[in-house]
N, C-alpha and C. Protein backbone atom coordinates (compact mmCIF):
# COMPACT_ATOMS: atom_id res chain seq x y z
N MET A 1 162.86 164.18 -17.59
CA MET A 1 162.59 163.66 -18.94
C MET A 1 162.70 162.14 -18.95
N ASN A 2 163.75 161.61 -18.25
CA ASN A 2 163.93 160.16 -18.24
C ASN A 2 162.76 159.47 -17.56
N LEU A 3 162.25 160.08 -16.47
CA LEU A 3 161.14 159.47 -15.77
C LEU A 3 159.87 159.52 -16.60
N SER A 4 159.70 160.59 -17.40
CA SER A 4 158.47 160.72 -18.18
C SER A 4 158.38 159.65 -19.27
N PHE A 5 159.52 159.15 -19.73
CA PHE A 5 159.49 158.08 -20.73
C PHE A 5 158.88 156.81 -20.15
N PHE A 6 159.08 156.60 -18.85
CA PHE A 6 158.58 155.39 -18.23
C PHE A 6 157.19 155.58 -17.62
N ASP A 7 156.67 156.79 -17.67
CA ASP A 7 155.32 157.02 -17.13
C ASP A 7 154.26 156.28 -17.91
N GLN A 8 154.54 155.99 -19.19
CA GLN A 8 153.55 155.30 -20.01
C GLN A 8 153.32 153.86 -19.54
N PHE A 9 154.25 153.32 -18.75
CA PHE A 9 154.11 151.95 -18.28
C PHE A 9 153.46 151.86 -16.90
N MET A 10 153.10 153.01 -16.33
CA MET A 10 152.41 153.02 -15.04
C MET A 10 150.92 152.81 -15.26
N SER A 11 150.33 151.94 -14.46
CA SER A 11 148.91 151.66 -14.61
C SER A 11 148.10 152.87 -14.20
N PRO A 12 147.29 153.44 -15.10
CA PRO A 12 146.47 154.61 -14.73
C PRO A 12 145.38 154.21 -13.74
N THR A 13 145.00 155.15 -12.91
CA THR A 13 143.96 154.91 -11.91
C THR A 13 142.90 156.00 -11.99
N MET A 14 141.71 155.65 -11.59
CA MET A 14 140.61 156.61 -11.51
C MET A 14 139.84 156.32 -10.22
N PHE A 15 139.78 157.32 -9.36
CA PHE A 15 139.16 157.18 -8.04
C PHE A 15 139.79 156.04 -7.25
N GLY A 16 141.10 155.88 -7.43
CA GLY A 16 141.82 154.86 -6.71
C GLY A 16 141.68 153.45 -7.27
N VAL A 17 140.96 153.30 -8.38
CA VAL A 17 140.75 151.98 -8.99
C VAL A 17 141.68 151.84 -10.19
N PRO A 18 142.54 150.83 -10.23
CA PRO A 18 143.44 150.66 -11.40
C PRO A 18 142.65 150.37 -12.67
N LEU A 19 142.96 151.11 -13.73
CA LEU A 19 142.26 150.92 -15.00
C LEU A 19 142.84 149.77 -15.82
N ILE A 20 143.83 149.07 -15.26
CA ILE A 20 144.36 147.90 -15.96
C ILE A 20 143.29 146.83 -16.11
N LEU A 21 142.35 146.78 -15.16
CA LEU A 21 141.25 145.82 -15.26
C LEU A 21 140.36 146.13 -16.47
N LEU A 22 140.12 147.42 -16.71
CA LEU A 22 139.33 147.81 -17.87
C LEU A 22 140.08 147.51 -19.16
N ALA A 23 141.40 147.73 -19.15
CA ALA A 23 142.21 147.45 -20.34
C ALA A 23 142.24 145.95 -20.64
N MET A 24 142.15 145.12 -19.62
CA MET A 24 142.14 143.67 -19.82
C MET A 24 140.77 143.18 -20.28
N THR A 25 139.74 143.95 -20.00
CA THR A 25 138.38 143.56 -20.42
C THR A 25 138.09 143.98 -21.85
N ALA A 26 138.73 145.07 -22.30
CA ALA A 26 138.45 145.63 -23.63
C ALA A 26 138.62 144.65 -24.78
N PRO A 27 139.67 143.78 -24.79
CA PRO A 27 139.82 142.89 -25.96
C PRO A 27 138.61 142.01 -26.24
N TRP A 28 137.95 141.55 -25.19
CA TRP A 28 136.83 140.63 -25.41
C TRP A 28 135.59 141.35 -25.94
N LEU A 29 135.56 142.69 -25.85
CA LEU A 29 134.42 143.44 -26.35
C LEU A 29 134.53 143.73 -27.84
N LEU A 30 135.69 143.48 -28.44
CA LEU A 30 135.92 143.83 -29.84
C LEU A 30 135.62 142.69 -30.80
N TYR A 31 135.44 141.49 -30.27
CA TYR A 31 135.24 140.33 -31.15
C TYR A 31 133.76 139.98 -31.26
N ALA A 32 133.38 139.61 -32.46
CA ALA A 32 131.98 139.28 -32.70
C ALA A 32 131.63 137.96 -32.02
N SER A 33 130.43 137.91 -31.46
CA SER A 33 129.96 136.68 -30.81
C SER A 33 129.50 135.69 -31.87
N PRO A 34 129.70 134.40 -31.65
CA PRO A 34 129.24 133.41 -32.63
C PRO A 34 127.72 133.40 -32.72
N THR A 35 127.23 133.15 -33.90
CA THR A 35 125.78 133.11 -34.13
C THR A 35 125.40 131.75 -34.70
N ASP A 36 124.10 131.51 -34.73
CA ASP A 36 123.59 130.25 -35.27
C ASP A 36 123.08 130.42 -36.71
N ARG A 37 123.48 131.50 -37.36
CA ARG A 37 123.06 131.72 -38.75
C ARG A 37 123.88 130.86 -39.70
N TRP A 38 123.28 130.57 -40.83
CA TRP A 38 123.99 129.80 -41.85
C TRP A 38 125.09 130.63 -42.52
N LEU A 39 124.81 131.91 -42.71
CA LEU A 39 125.77 132.81 -43.35
C LEU A 39 126.15 133.91 -42.36
N ASN A 40 127.44 134.19 -42.25
CA ASN A 40 127.94 135.24 -41.37
C ASN A 40 128.49 136.39 -42.19
N ASN A 41 128.73 137.51 -41.53
CA ASN A 41 129.33 138.65 -42.23
C ASN A 41 130.83 138.42 -42.40
N ARG A 42 131.48 139.35 -43.07
CA ARG A 42 132.89 139.18 -43.40
C ARG A 42 133.77 139.15 -42.15
N LEU A 43 133.44 139.98 -41.15
CA LEU A 43 134.25 140.04 -39.94
C LEU A 43 134.19 138.71 -39.18
N THR A 44 132.99 138.18 -39.03
CA THR A 44 132.85 136.91 -38.31
C THR A 44 133.50 135.77 -39.08
N THR A 45 133.38 135.78 -40.41
CA THR A 45 134.01 134.74 -41.22
C THR A 45 135.53 134.81 -41.11
N LEU A 46 136.10 136.02 -41.17
CA LEU A 46 137.55 136.18 -41.04
C LEU A 46 138.02 135.76 -39.65
N GLN A 47 137.26 136.12 -38.65
CA GLN A 47 137.61 135.74 -37.28
C GLN A 47 137.58 134.23 -37.11
N SER A 48 136.57 133.58 -37.63
CA SER A 48 136.47 132.12 -37.51
C SER A 48 137.60 131.44 -38.28
N TRP A 49 137.93 131.96 -39.47
CA TRP A 49 139.02 131.37 -40.25
C TRP A 49 140.35 131.49 -39.52
N PHE A 50 140.62 132.66 -38.94
CA PHE A 50 141.88 132.86 -38.22
C PHE A 50 141.98 131.93 -37.02
N LEU A 51 140.92 131.83 -36.23
CA LEU A 51 140.95 130.98 -35.04
C LEU A 51 141.10 129.51 -35.43
N ALA A 52 140.42 129.09 -36.50
CA ALA A 52 140.54 127.70 -36.93
C ALA A 52 141.94 127.39 -37.43
N ALA A 53 142.52 128.30 -38.22
CA ALA A 53 143.87 128.08 -38.75
C ALA A 53 144.90 128.05 -37.63
N PHE A 54 144.77 128.97 -36.68
CA PHE A 54 145.74 129.01 -35.58
C PHE A 54 145.61 127.77 -34.70
N THR A 55 144.38 127.38 -34.38
CA THR A 55 144.18 126.21 -33.53
C THR A 55 144.70 124.95 -34.20
N LYS A 56 144.49 124.83 -35.50
CA LYS A 56 144.98 123.66 -36.23
C LYS A 56 146.50 123.59 -36.20
N GLN A 57 147.15 124.74 -36.43
CA GLN A 57 148.61 124.77 -36.43
C GLN A 57 149.17 124.50 -35.04
N LEU A 58 148.49 124.99 -34.01
CA LEU A 58 148.98 124.83 -32.65
C LEU A 58 148.79 123.41 -32.13
N MET A 59 147.68 122.79 -32.50
CA MET A 59 147.35 121.47 -31.96
C MET A 59 147.91 120.32 -32.80
N LEU A 60 148.43 120.62 -33.98
CA LEU A 60 148.90 119.57 -34.87
C LEU A 60 150.02 118.73 -34.26
N PRO A 61 151.03 119.33 -33.59
CA PRO A 61 152.10 118.47 -33.02
C PRO A 61 151.67 117.71 -31.77
N LEU A 62 150.55 118.08 -31.15
CA LEU A 62 150.14 117.47 -29.89
C LEU A 62 149.32 116.22 -30.14
N ASN A 63 149.29 115.33 -29.16
CA ASN A 63 148.46 114.14 -29.27
C ASN A 63 147.04 114.48 -28.85
N ILE A 64 146.19 113.47 -28.81
CA ILE A 64 144.77 113.70 -28.55
C ILE A 64 144.56 114.30 -27.16
N LYS A 65 145.34 113.86 -26.17
CA LYS A 65 145.17 114.39 -24.82
C LYS A 65 145.45 115.89 -24.76
N GLY A 66 146.40 116.34 -25.55
CA GLY A 66 146.73 117.76 -25.55
C GLY A 66 145.70 118.64 -26.22
N HIS A 67 144.80 118.04 -27.01
CA HIS A 67 143.78 118.83 -27.71
C HIS A 67 142.76 119.43 -26.75
N LYS A 68 142.72 118.94 -25.51
CA LYS A 68 141.81 119.53 -24.53
C LYS A 68 142.20 120.96 -24.19
N TRP A 69 143.44 121.32 -24.49
CA TRP A 69 143.93 122.66 -24.19
C TRP A 69 143.67 123.65 -25.32
N ALA A 70 143.00 123.22 -26.36
CA ALA A 70 142.83 124.08 -27.55
C ALA A 70 142.11 125.39 -27.19
N LEU A 71 141.02 125.29 -26.44
CA LEU A 71 140.26 126.50 -26.10
C LEU A 71 141.06 127.45 -25.24
N SER A 72 141.78 126.91 -24.25
CA SER A 72 142.55 127.77 -23.35
C SER A 72 143.69 128.47 -24.08
N LEU A 73 144.45 127.74 -24.88
CA LEU A 73 145.59 128.34 -25.57
C LEU A 73 145.15 129.32 -26.65
N THR A 74 144.09 128.99 -27.37
CA THR A 74 143.60 129.91 -28.40
C THR A 74 143.05 131.18 -27.78
N SER A 75 142.33 131.05 -26.67
CA SER A 75 141.82 132.24 -25.98
C SER A 75 142.97 133.10 -25.46
N LEU A 76 144.01 132.47 -24.95
CA LEU A 76 145.17 133.22 -24.47
C LEU A 76 145.85 133.95 -25.61
N MET A 77 145.95 133.30 -26.76
CA MET A 77 146.56 133.94 -27.93
C MET A 77 145.76 135.17 -28.36
N VAL A 78 144.45 135.04 -28.45
CA VAL A 78 143.60 136.17 -28.83
C VAL A 78 143.71 137.30 -27.81
N PHE A 79 143.74 136.94 -26.54
CA PHE A 79 143.83 137.93 -25.46
C PHE A 79 145.13 138.71 -25.56
N LEU A 80 146.25 138.02 -25.73
CA LEU A 80 147.55 138.68 -25.77
C LEU A 80 147.72 139.54 -27.02
N ILE A 81 147.34 139.00 -28.16
CA ILE A 81 147.57 139.73 -29.41
C ILE A 81 146.71 140.99 -29.47
N THR A 82 145.50 140.91 -28.90
CA THR A 82 144.63 142.09 -28.91
C THR A 82 145.15 143.16 -27.96
N MET A 83 145.58 142.77 -26.77
CA MET A 83 146.13 143.76 -25.84
C MET A 83 147.40 144.39 -26.38
N ASN A 84 148.25 143.59 -27.02
CA ASN A 84 149.49 144.14 -27.59
C ASN A 84 149.20 145.16 -28.68
N LEU A 85 148.24 144.86 -29.55
CA LEU A 85 147.94 145.77 -30.64
C LEU A 85 147.21 147.02 -30.16
N LEU A 86 146.31 146.86 -29.19
CA LEU A 86 145.61 148.04 -28.66
C LEU A 86 146.58 148.97 -27.95
N GLY A 87 147.65 148.42 -27.38
CA GLY A 87 148.62 149.25 -26.70
C GLY A 87 149.44 150.13 -27.62
N LEU A 88 149.41 149.87 -28.93
CA LEU A 88 150.14 150.71 -29.88
C LEU A 88 149.33 151.93 -30.30
N LEU A 89 148.07 152.01 -29.92
CA LEU A 89 147.26 153.18 -30.23
C LEU A 89 147.65 154.34 -29.32
N PRO A 90 147.47 155.58 -29.79
CA PRO A 90 147.82 156.73 -28.93
C PRO A 90 146.93 156.81 -27.69
N TYR A 91 147.51 157.28 -26.61
CA TYR A 91 146.80 157.50 -25.35
C TYR A 91 146.16 156.22 -24.82
N THR A 92 146.86 155.13 -24.96
CA THR A 92 146.37 153.86 -24.43
C THR A 92 147.41 153.27 -23.48
N PHE A 93 147.00 152.26 -22.75
CA PHE A 93 147.87 151.58 -21.81
C PHE A 93 147.97 150.12 -22.19
N THR A 94 149.19 149.59 -22.16
CA THR A 94 149.43 148.20 -22.55
C THR A 94 149.63 147.35 -21.30
N PRO A 95 148.65 146.53 -20.92
CA PRO A 95 148.81 145.71 -19.70
C PRO A 95 149.96 144.72 -19.80
N THR A 96 150.28 144.27 -21.01
CA THR A 96 151.33 143.26 -21.17
C THR A 96 152.74 143.82 -21.01
N THR A 97 152.88 145.13 -20.75
CA THR A 97 154.19 145.67 -20.38
C THR A 97 154.46 145.51 -18.89
N GLN A 98 153.48 145.01 -18.15
CA GLN A 98 153.64 144.77 -16.72
C GLN A 98 154.12 143.34 -16.49
N LEU A 99 155.27 143.19 -15.85
CA LEU A 99 155.81 141.86 -15.59
C LEU A 99 154.90 141.04 -14.68
N SER A 100 154.21 141.71 -13.77
CA SER A 100 153.32 141.00 -12.86
C SER A 100 152.19 140.31 -13.62
N LEU A 101 151.63 140.98 -14.62
CA LEU A 101 150.55 140.37 -15.41
C LEU A 101 151.08 139.21 -16.23
N ASN A 102 152.22 139.40 -16.87
CA ASN A 102 152.77 138.33 -17.71
C ASN A 102 153.15 137.10 -16.88
N LEU A 103 153.72 137.33 -15.70
CA LEU A 103 154.01 136.20 -14.83
C LEU A 103 152.72 135.56 -14.31
N GLY A 104 151.70 136.38 -14.09
CA GLY A 104 150.42 135.84 -13.67
C GLY A 104 149.77 134.96 -14.72
N LEU A 105 150.12 135.17 -15.99
CA LEU A 105 149.64 134.30 -17.06
C LEU A 105 150.57 133.11 -17.28
N ALA A 106 151.88 133.35 -17.16
CA ALA A 106 152.85 132.30 -17.48
C ALA A 106 152.92 131.22 -16.41
N VAL A 107 152.96 131.62 -15.14
CA VAL A 107 153.16 130.65 -14.07
C VAL A 107 152.02 129.63 -13.98
N PRO A 108 150.74 130.04 -13.98
CA PRO A 108 149.69 129.01 -13.88
C PRO A 108 149.66 128.05 -15.07
N PHE A 109 149.85 128.56 -16.29
CA PHE A 109 149.83 127.68 -17.45
C PHE A 109 151.03 126.73 -17.42
N TRP A 110 152.22 127.25 -17.08
CA TRP A 110 153.40 126.38 -16.99
C TRP A 110 153.22 125.33 -15.90
N LEU A 111 152.72 125.75 -14.75
CA LEU A 111 152.52 124.81 -13.65
C LEU A 111 151.49 123.75 -14.01
N ALA A 112 150.48 124.14 -14.76
CA ALA A 112 149.48 123.17 -15.19
C ALA A 112 150.08 122.11 -16.11
N THR A 113 150.96 122.53 -17.02
CA THR A 113 151.60 121.54 -17.90
C THR A 113 152.50 120.59 -17.11
N VAL A 114 153.20 121.11 -16.10
CA VAL A 114 154.06 120.26 -15.28
C VAL A 114 153.22 119.26 -14.48
N LEU A 115 152.13 119.73 -13.90
CA LEU A 115 151.28 118.85 -13.10
C LEU A 115 150.62 117.78 -13.97
N VAL A 116 150.25 118.16 -15.20
CA VAL A 116 149.69 117.17 -16.13
C VAL A 116 150.70 116.07 -16.42
N GLY A 117 151.96 116.46 -16.63
CA GLY A 117 152.99 115.46 -16.89
C GLY A 117 153.25 114.57 -15.70
N LEU A 118 153.28 115.15 -14.50
CA LEU A 118 153.51 114.34 -13.30
C LEU A 118 152.35 113.41 -13.00
N ARG A 119 151.15 113.79 -13.39
CA ARG A 119 149.99 112.94 -13.14
C ARG A 119 149.87 111.83 -14.17
N ASN A 120 150.06 112.15 -15.43
CA ASN A 120 149.83 111.16 -16.49
C ASN A 120 151.03 110.25 -16.73
N GLN A 121 152.23 110.82 -16.72
CA GLN A 121 153.43 110.03 -16.99
C GLN A 121 154.56 110.51 -16.09
N PRO A 122 154.51 110.17 -14.81
CA PRO A 122 155.52 110.69 -13.87
C PRO A 122 156.94 110.25 -14.21
N THR A 123 157.10 109.01 -14.70
CA THR A 123 158.45 108.54 -15.02
C THR A 123 159.07 109.35 -16.15
N ALA A 124 158.29 109.59 -17.21
CA ALA A 124 158.81 110.35 -18.35
C ALA A 124 159.04 111.81 -17.96
N ALA A 125 158.15 112.37 -17.12
CA ALA A 125 158.31 113.77 -16.70
C ALA A 125 159.57 113.96 -15.88
N LEU A 126 159.83 113.04 -14.97
CA LEU A 126 161.05 113.13 -14.18
C LEU A 126 162.28 112.74 -14.99
N GLY A 127 162.07 111.92 -16.04
CA GLY A 127 163.19 111.52 -16.89
C GLY A 127 163.79 112.67 -17.66
N HIS A 128 163.01 113.76 -17.87
CA HIS A 128 163.56 114.93 -18.57
C HIS A 128 164.67 115.59 -17.76
N LEU A 129 164.70 115.35 -16.46
CA LEU A 129 165.73 115.98 -15.62
C LEU A 129 167.09 115.32 -15.77
N LEU A 130 167.13 114.13 -16.39
CA LEU A 130 168.40 113.42 -16.52
C LEU A 130 168.50 112.80 -17.90
N PRO A 131 169.31 113.35 -18.81
CA PRO A 131 169.45 112.78 -20.15
C PRO A 131 170.02 111.36 -20.09
N GLU A 132 169.63 110.56 -21.06
CA GLU A 132 170.09 109.17 -21.10
C GLU A 132 171.59 109.11 -21.42
N GLY A 133 172.29 108.20 -20.75
CA GLY A 133 173.71 108.02 -20.99
C GLY A 133 174.60 109.01 -20.27
N THR A 134 174.08 109.69 -19.25
CA THR A 134 174.88 110.66 -18.50
C THR A 134 175.90 109.95 -17.62
N PRO A 135 177.16 110.39 -17.60
CA PRO A 135 178.14 109.78 -16.68
C PRO A 135 177.71 109.92 -15.23
N THR A 136 178.11 108.98 -14.43
CA THR A 136 177.66 108.93 -13.04
C THR A 136 178.07 110.18 -12.26
N LEU A 137 179.26 110.67 -12.50
CA LEU A 137 179.74 111.83 -11.75
C LEU A 137 178.94 113.10 -12.08
N LEU A 138 178.36 113.16 -13.27
CA LEU A 138 177.63 114.36 -13.69
C LEU A 138 176.15 114.30 -13.35
N ILE A 139 175.68 113.18 -12.84
CA ILE A 139 174.24 113.04 -12.58
C ILE A 139 173.72 114.10 -11.60
N PRO A 140 174.34 114.30 -10.42
CA PRO A 140 173.79 115.33 -9.51
C PRO A 140 173.81 116.73 -10.11
N ILE A 141 174.89 117.06 -10.82
CA ILE A 141 174.99 118.40 -11.39
C ILE A 141 173.94 118.61 -12.47
N LEU A 142 173.74 117.61 -13.33
CA LEU A 142 172.76 117.75 -14.41
C LEU A 142 171.34 117.83 -13.87
N ILE A 143 171.06 117.09 -12.81
CA ILE A 143 169.72 117.16 -12.23
C ILE A 143 169.44 118.57 -11.69
N ILE A 144 170.45 119.16 -11.04
CA ILE A 144 170.28 120.52 -10.53
C ILE A 144 170.10 121.51 -11.68
N ILE A 145 170.91 121.37 -12.73
CA ILE A 145 170.82 122.29 -13.88
C ILE A 145 169.47 122.16 -14.58
N GLU A 146 169.01 120.94 -14.81
CA GLU A 146 167.73 120.74 -15.48
C GLU A 146 166.57 121.21 -14.62
N THR A 147 166.68 121.07 -13.31
CA THR A 147 165.62 121.56 -12.42
C THR A 147 165.54 123.08 -12.47
N ILE A 148 166.72 123.72 -12.45
CA ILE A 148 166.73 125.19 -12.54
C ILE A 148 166.17 125.65 -13.88
N SER A 149 166.53 124.97 -14.97
CA SER A 149 166.01 125.35 -16.29
C SER A 149 164.50 125.14 -16.37
N LEU A 150 164.00 124.13 -15.66
CA LEU A 150 162.55 123.90 -15.64
C LEU A 150 161.83 124.99 -14.87
N LEU A 151 162.40 125.38 -13.73
CA LEU A 151 161.76 126.39 -12.89
C LEU A 151 161.86 127.79 -13.48
N ILE A 152 162.83 128.01 -14.35
CA ILE A 152 163.03 129.36 -14.90
C ILE A 152 162.18 129.60 -16.14
N ARG A 153 161.50 128.57 -16.62
CA ARG A 153 160.70 128.72 -17.83
C ARG A 153 159.61 129.79 -17.72
N PRO A 154 158.79 129.79 -16.66
CA PRO A 154 157.76 130.84 -16.60
C PRO A 154 158.35 132.23 -16.49
N LEU A 155 159.49 132.35 -15.79
CA LEU A 155 160.15 133.66 -15.71
C LEU A 155 160.61 134.12 -17.07
N ALA A 156 161.16 133.19 -17.87
CA ALA A 156 161.60 133.54 -19.22
C ALA A 156 160.42 133.95 -20.10
N LEU A 157 159.29 133.26 -19.95
CA LEU A 157 158.10 133.62 -20.72
C LEU A 157 157.66 135.05 -20.41
N GLY A 158 157.55 135.35 -19.12
CA GLY A 158 157.08 136.68 -18.74
C GLY A 158 158.06 137.78 -19.09
N VAL A 159 159.34 137.55 -18.83
CA VAL A 159 160.35 138.58 -19.10
C VAL A 159 160.48 138.83 -20.61
N ARG A 160 160.40 137.77 -21.43
CA ARG A 160 160.52 137.94 -22.88
C ARG A 160 159.42 138.84 -23.40
N LEU A 161 158.19 138.58 -23.02
CA LEU A 161 157.07 139.38 -23.49
C LEU A 161 157.17 140.82 -22.99
N THR A 162 157.51 140.98 -21.71
CA THR A 162 157.62 142.32 -21.13
C THR A 162 158.74 143.12 -21.77
N ALA A 163 159.90 142.51 -21.92
CA ALA A 163 161.06 143.23 -22.45
C ALA A 163 160.85 143.67 -23.89
N ASN A 164 160.30 142.80 -24.72
CA ASN A 164 160.11 143.15 -26.13
C ASN A 164 159.12 144.30 -26.29
N LEU A 165 158.01 144.26 -25.57
CA LEU A 165 157.01 145.32 -25.70
C LEU A 165 157.50 146.62 -25.08
N THR A 166 158.17 146.52 -23.93
CA THR A 166 158.67 147.73 -23.28
C THR A 166 159.73 148.42 -24.14
N ALA A 167 160.64 147.64 -24.70
CA ALA A 167 161.69 148.23 -25.55
C ALA A 167 161.09 148.89 -26.78
N GLY A 168 160.10 148.25 -27.38
CA GLY A 168 159.47 148.84 -28.56
C GLY A 168 158.76 150.14 -28.25
N HIS A 169 158.02 150.19 -27.15
CA HIS A 169 157.30 151.42 -26.78
C HIS A 169 158.27 152.54 -26.43
N LEU A 170 159.35 152.20 -25.73
CA LEU A 170 160.34 153.23 -25.40
C LEU A 170 161.00 153.79 -26.65
N LEU A 171 161.32 152.92 -27.60
CA LEU A 171 161.97 153.37 -28.83
C LEU A 171 161.04 154.26 -29.64
N ILE A 172 159.77 153.90 -29.70
CA ILE A 172 158.80 154.73 -30.43
C ILE A 172 158.69 156.10 -29.77
N GLN A 173 158.64 156.15 -28.45
CA GLN A 173 158.50 157.43 -27.77
C GLN A 173 159.76 158.27 -27.92
N LEU A 174 160.93 157.65 -27.87
CA LEU A 174 162.17 158.40 -28.04
C LEU A 174 162.25 159.02 -29.43
N ILE A 175 161.93 158.23 -30.46
CA ILE A 175 162.03 158.74 -31.83
C ILE A 175 160.96 159.80 -32.08
N SER A 176 159.76 159.60 -31.57
CA SER A 176 158.70 160.61 -31.76
C SER A 176 159.06 161.91 -31.06
N THR A 177 159.68 161.83 -29.88
CA THR A 177 160.14 163.05 -29.20
C THR A 177 161.22 163.75 -30.01
N ALA A 178 162.12 162.97 -30.62
CA ALA A 178 163.16 163.57 -31.46
C ALA A 178 162.56 164.27 -32.67
N VAL A 179 161.51 163.70 -33.25
CA VAL A 179 160.85 164.34 -34.40
C VAL A 179 160.26 165.68 -34.00
N LEU A 180 159.60 165.75 -32.85
CA LEU A 180 159.00 167.01 -32.40
C LEU A 180 160.07 168.06 -32.11
N VAL A 181 161.20 167.65 -31.56
CA VAL A 181 162.25 168.61 -31.22
C VAL A 181 162.95 169.13 -32.47
N MET A 182 163.18 168.25 -33.45
CA MET A 182 163.92 168.66 -34.64
C MET A 182 163.06 169.35 -35.70
N MET A 183 161.74 169.25 -35.61
CA MET A 183 160.88 169.82 -36.65
C MET A 183 161.11 171.31 -36.87
N PRO A 184 161.20 172.17 -35.82
CA PRO A 184 161.43 173.60 -36.10
C PRO A 184 162.85 173.89 -36.58
N MET A 185 163.83 173.11 -36.16
CA MET A 185 165.23 173.42 -36.46
C MET A 185 165.71 172.74 -37.74
N MET A 186 165.42 171.46 -37.90
CA MET A 186 165.90 170.69 -39.05
C MET A 186 164.72 169.92 -39.65
N PRO A 187 163.90 170.58 -40.46
CA PRO A 187 162.69 169.92 -40.99
C PRO A 187 162.99 168.70 -41.85
N THR A 188 164.05 168.76 -42.66
CA THR A 188 164.37 167.62 -43.53
C THR A 188 164.74 166.39 -42.71
N THR A 189 165.60 166.60 -41.72
CA THR A 189 165.99 165.49 -40.85
C THR A 189 164.78 164.97 -40.07
N ALA A 190 163.90 165.87 -39.67
CA ALA A 190 162.71 165.46 -38.93
C ALA A 190 161.79 164.60 -39.79
N ILE A 191 161.67 164.95 -41.07
CA ILE A 191 160.81 164.16 -41.97
C ILE A 191 161.39 162.77 -42.17
N ILE A 192 162.71 162.70 -42.35
CA ILE A 192 163.36 161.39 -42.50
C ILE A 192 163.17 160.55 -41.24
N THR A 193 163.31 161.19 -40.08
CA THR A 193 163.12 160.49 -38.82
C THR A 193 161.67 160.04 -38.67
N ALA A 194 160.73 160.85 -39.15
CA ALA A 194 159.32 160.46 -39.09
C ALA A 194 159.04 159.23 -39.95
N ILE A 195 159.72 159.14 -41.09
CA ILE A 195 159.57 157.95 -41.94
C ILE A 195 160.11 156.71 -41.22
N VAL A 196 161.26 156.90 -40.55
CA VAL A 196 161.81 155.80 -39.75
C VAL A 196 160.85 155.41 -38.64
N LEU A 197 160.21 156.40 -38.03
CA LEU A 197 159.22 156.14 -36.97
C LEU A 197 158.04 155.34 -37.51
N PHE A 198 157.59 155.66 -38.71
CA PHE A 198 156.49 154.92 -39.33
C PHE A 198 156.88 153.47 -39.59
N LEU A 199 158.09 153.26 -40.10
CA LEU A 199 158.55 151.90 -40.35
C LEU A 199 158.72 151.13 -39.04
N LEU A 200 159.18 151.83 -38.00
CA LEU A 200 159.33 151.19 -36.70
C LEU A 200 157.97 150.80 -36.13
N THR A 201 156.97 151.63 -36.36
CA THR A 201 155.62 151.30 -35.89
C THR A 201 155.10 150.04 -36.58
N LEU A 202 155.35 149.91 -37.87
CA LEU A 202 154.97 148.68 -38.57
C LEU A 202 155.70 147.48 -37.99
N LEU A 203 156.99 147.68 -37.67
CA LEU A 203 157.75 146.59 -37.05
C LEU A 203 157.18 146.21 -35.70
N GLU A 204 156.76 147.20 -34.92
CA GLU A 204 156.21 146.92 -33.59
C GLU A 204 154.87 146.20 -33.69
N ILE A 205 154.10 146.48 -34.74
CA ILE A 205 152.85 145.73 -34.95
C ILE A 205 153.17 144.26 -35.17
N ALA A 206 154.20 144.00 -35.98
CA ALA A 206 154.61 142.61 -36.20
C ALA A 206 155.13 141.98 -34.92
N VAL A 207 155.92 142.74 -34.14
CA VAL A 207 156.45 142.22 -32.89
C VAL A 207 155.34 141.90 -31.91
N ALA A 208 154.31 142.75 -31.86
CA ALA A 208 153.19 142.51 -30.95
C ALA A 208 152.50 141.20 -31.27
N MET A 209 152.33 140.91 -32.56
CA MET A 209 151.67 139.66 -32.94
C MET A 209 152.59 138.46 -32.74
N ILE A 210 153.88 138.63 -33.09
CA ILE A 210 154.81 137.52 -32.99
C ILE A 210 155.04 137.12 -31.54
N GLN A 211 155.17 138.10 -30.66
CA GLN A 211 155.43 137.79 -29.25
C GLN A 211 154.25 137.08 -28.61
N ALA A 212 153.04 137.44 -28.98
CA ALA A 212 151.88 136.71 -28.46
C ALA A 212 151.88 135.28 -28.96
N TYR A 213 152.24 135.10 -30.24
CA TYR A 213 152.30 133.74 -30.80
C TYR A 213 153.40 132.92 -30.14
N VAL A 214 154.57 133.53 -29.91
CA VAL A 214 155.69 132.81 -29.29
C VAL A 214 155.33 132.40 -27.86
N PHE A 215 154.65 133.26 -27.14
CA PHE A 215 154.25 132.96 -25.77
C PHE A 215 153.39 131.70 -25.73
N VAL A 216 152.39 131.65 -26.60
CA VAL A 216 151.49 130.49 -26.62
C VAL A 216 152.19 129.27 -27.22
N LEU A 217 153.05 129.48 -28.21
CA LEU A 217 153.75 128.35 -28.84
C LEU A 217 154.66 127.65 -27.83
N LEU A 218 155.36 128.41 -27.02
CA LEU A 218 156.24 127.80 -26.02
C LEU A 218 155.42 127.02 -24.98
N LEU A 219 154.26 127.55 -24.62
CA LEU A 219 153.40 126.82 -23.70
C LEU A 219 152.95 125.50 -24.32
N SER A 220 152.66 125.51 -25.61
CA SER A 220 152.24 124.27 -26.27
C SER A 220 153.40 123.28 -26.34
N LEU A 221 154.63 123.79 -26.49
CA LEU A 221 155.80 122.90 -26.48
C LEU A 221 156.00 122.28 -25.11
N TYR A 222 155.79 123.07 -24.06
CA TYR A 222 155.88 122.50 -22.71
C TYR A 222 154.79 121.45 -22.50
N LEU A 223 153.62 121.71 -23.05
CA LEU A 223 152.53 120.73 -22.94
C LEU A 223 152.85 119.47 -23.72
N GLN A 224 153.50 119.65 -24.86
CA GLN A 224 153.86 118.47 -25.69
C GLN A 224 154.84 117.55 -24.96
N GLU A 225 155.71 118.13 -24.15
CA GLU A 225 156.65 117.30 -23.40
C GLU A 225 155.97 116.48 -22.31
N ASN A 226 154.81 116.94 -21.86
CA ASN A 226 154.17 116.30 -20.71
C ASN A 226 152.89 115.55 -21.04
N THR A 227 152.61 115.37 -22.33
CA THR A 227 151.41 114.59 -22.72
C THR A 227 151.80 113.45 -23.63
């Protein structure tokens, strides 16, 4: 029983081919393509409004050099939020519950922000490793601590996204299993538990959107330090 709870996080395969690639392609098939018409339908208008509002909020703290990242960060946000929400549907697989995928997204973006800082302003980028006014005896220790905190950032990004989604999916499956078991024996308790399950599902929808936003927001903060 314990192993079956974690089976939902295993990447399904067909003819030896992992279907995680198909799950990663699906989000881009759900969004309407931009058109050259003067008037768009409601879906395209809502999509354009959301992307414009998010991009404006994300790029507002950054300077002009950081605005070059608008397309990459917005696309990453749309990609993550769609995969997270699709994973809440029955009989689906959530690629963002895989730590390997999340690290594969976090490490390149984090490394790119670090390299941008070292190329454009190497003195300021290296200055983050040593706060101003540090006592001489603490300089080596603080440099080591700040270097470790810098290197652990992509790991924190990937683990945060993986842990939140994995915990939510496990909790939903545990409560849903309890509802099925208690329904013949204690129908009243099962109904109350089902209501709790519904409220938890709404919470997980919010968590799926918030975690995607936090992932991209932290990347923008790292970019802000290096531009």
